[in-house]
Each structure stands twice: as structure tokens, then as C-alpha cells.
Protein backbone atom coordinates (compact mmCIF):
# COMPACT_ATOMS: atom_id res chain seq x y z
CA GLN A 1 -6.03 24.92 -14.67
CA VAL A 2 -5.80 27.82 -11.58
CA GLN A 3 -2.30 28.03 -10.49
CA LEU A 4 -0.07 30.60 -8.49
CA VAL A 5 3.83 30.02 -9.11
CA GLU A 6 6.02 31.87 -6.91
CA SER A 7 9.71 32.42 -7.81
CA GLY A 8 12.61 34.45 -6.65
CA GLY A 9 13.77 32.84 -3.37
CA GLY A 10 17.04 31.75 -2.52
CA LEU A 11 20.17 32.14 -0.44
CA VAL A 12 21.13 35.65 0.85
CA GLN A 13 23.32 37.34 3.54
CA ALA A 14 21.71 38.99 6.30
CA GLY A 15 21.32 42.35 5.15
CA GLY A 16 20.67 41.92 1.49
CA SER A 17 17.45 41.55 -0.69
CA LEU A 18 15.53 39.37 -2.59
CA ARG A 19 12.29 40.02 -4.45
CA LEU A 20 9.51 37.51 -4.99
CA SER A 21 7.31 37.11 -7.74
CA CYS A 22 3.95 35.16 -8.03
CA ALA A 23 2.58 34.48 -11.00
CA ALA A 24 -1.07 33.53 -11.27
CA SER A 25 -2.70 31.52 -14.08
CA GLY A 26 -5.78 30.00 -14.73
CA PHE A 27 -7.99 32.65 -13.11
CA SER A 28 -7.61 36.56 -13.02
CA ILE A 29 -6.29 38.34 -9.83
CA GLY A 30 -8.26 41.72 -10.85
CA ASN A 31 -10.76 40.88 -8.24
CA CYS A 32 -8.69 39.09 -5.45
CA ARG A 33 -6.79 39.88 -2.53
CA MET A 34 -3.45 38.99 -2.75
CA SER A 35 -1.21 38.11 0.28
CA TRP A 36 1.91 36.56 1.01
CA TYR A 37 2.51 34.17 3.90
CA ARG A 38 5.63 32.50 5.57
CA GLN A 39 6.17 29.40 7.20
CA ALA A 40 9.44 28.74 9.08
CA PRO A 41 10.61 25.07 10.21
CA GLY A 42 8.45 24.13 13.39
CA LYS A 43 6.15 27.62 13.30
CA GLU A 44 2.87 28.16 11.95
CA ARG A 45 2.25 29.84 8.98
CA GLU A 46 1.85 33.86 9.26
CA LEU A 47 1.12 36.31 7.40
CA VAL A 48 3.56 38.90 6.07
CA ALA A 49 1.82 41.27 3.57
CA THR A 50 -1.56 41.65 2.03
CA VAL A 51 -3.00 43.96 -0.66
CA THR A 52 -6.41 44.46 -1.91
CA SER A 53 -7.51 43.97 -5.35
CA THR A 54 -7.11 47.72 -6.52
CA GLY A 55 -3.94 47.84 -4.54
CA ALA A 56 -4.75 50.68 -2.53
CA GLY A 57 -4.71 49.02 0.67
CA ILE A 58 -1.80 47.28 1.70
CA ASN A 59 -0.94 45.83 5.16
CA TYR A 60 2.04 44.53 6.46
CA ALA A 61 3.05 42.35 9.47
CA PRO A 62 4.87 44.28 11.95
CA SER A 63 8.22 42.12 11.97
CA VAL A 64 8.30 43.05 8.19
CA LYS A 65 7.23 46.72 8.17
CA GLY A 66 9.72 49.02 6.82
CA ARG A 67 11.50 46.54 4.93
CA PHE A 68 9.26 44.44 2.84
CA PHE A 69 7.16 45.93 0.22
CA THR A 70 4.56 44.30 -1.63
CA SER A 71 2.90 45.36 -5.33
CA ARG A 72 0.63 43.89 -7.70
CA ASP A 73 0.35 44.21 -11.53
CA ASN A 74 -2.97 43.13 -12.33
CA VAL A 75 -2.35 43.49 -16.36
CA LYS A 76 0.74 40.73 -16.00
CA ASN A 77 -1.37 38.94 -13.35
CA MET A 78 1.09 38.70 -10.59
CA ILE A 79 1.83 40.22 -7.20
CA TYR A 80 5.94 40.91 -6.08
CA LEU A 81 7.62 41.13 -2.54
CA GLN A 82 10.57 43.29 -1.99
CA MET A 83 12.54 41.97 0.92
CA ASN A 84 15.17 44.34 1.91
CA SER A 85 17.45 44.02 5.00
CA LEU A 86 16.70 40.39 5.39
CA LYS A 87 17.40 38.82 8.90
CA PRO A 88 17.88 35.19 9.74
CA GLU A 89 14.65 35.29 11.25
CA ASP A 90 12.93 36.08 7.81
CA MET A 91 14.11 32.38 6.69
CA ALA A 92 11.07 30.40 5.55
CA VAL A 93 8.77 29.12 2.63
CA TYR A 94 7.08 31.86 1.14
CA TYR A 95 3.67 31.46 -0.20
CA CYS A 96 1.24 33.73 -2.29
CA LYS A 97 -2.39 33.35 -1.63
CA ALA A 98 -5.21 34.43 -3.94
CA ALA A 99 -8.84 35.42 -2.12
CA PHE A 100 -12.07 36.33 -3.90
CA ILE A 101 -15.29 35.79 -2.01
CA LEU A 102 -15.22 32.09 -0.66
CA ARG A 103 -12.00 31.24 -2.88
CA GLU A 104 -8.56 30.71 -1.78
CA TYR A 105 -6.00 29.68 -4.17
CA TRP A 106 -2.37 29.07 -2.78
CA GLY A 107 1.14 28.34 -4.27
CA GLN A 108 3.58 25.78 -3.79
CA GLY A 109 5.87 28.25 -2.00
CA THR A 110 9.48 29.43 -2.59
CA GLN A 111 12.43 29.07 -0.03
CA VAL A 112 14.27 31.98 1.31
CA THR A 113 17.02 31.51 3.42
CA VAL A 114 19.01 34.16 5.02
CA SER A 115 22.91 33.27 6.36
CA ALA A 116 24.02 35.37 9.47
């Protein structure tokens, strides 16, 4: 069964840090472009970060650049999102996505709450 499971979300004060993880099962992420998205209440889902299959190419949304860092471990079949200097506007449900040619897999999301 193909599955992506995010973890690591929670409540943090503004200025704090969280590390999200996304574990894949039922397929290998080795050939997949992996991405993190987030969706705040009443807003559209937005791309936060994306990393190519080899990890050589990483892009971030301007709103998180310099604060968030993504990485992947193809051996462990996992990706990570280190979030630093969190702001109230970072509060959202965070999702990971795996994309390979015409296929996409999404996780169920993990809530990140940032208190002012």
C-alpha cells in the first residue's frame, strides 16, 4: 500500500523550531521529486519547498527561504523539513508530496500551530 505519513507537527511559540518528517512506504522515493506544501485555514495550498530526486536541486518559497530547510534520505525513504524562526503566519497543515512522471502521492498532513 502506497503511503506517505507526516509527523513532527505541534504547537510552538513564535521564534521556535520544529522538524517535520515524511515517511514513505509501498514505493521508493528514490526517483521522485519530493515537496512540502502547506494550507492555512481559508487559504489555498501553497508550495513550501521542493527537492529533486538526487537532492541536488532544492527550491523554497520566498516566504520561508532562509528559515526552512528540506532534506531527504533515499535509503530511509524519508524527507524532512526543518523549520526555524517560526512565525504565526507559518501556521498551517503541512503536507508532503511525491511526484514521479504522471503519478503523485500525498500524505494526510500534520498540523503546525505557532503562537504569537
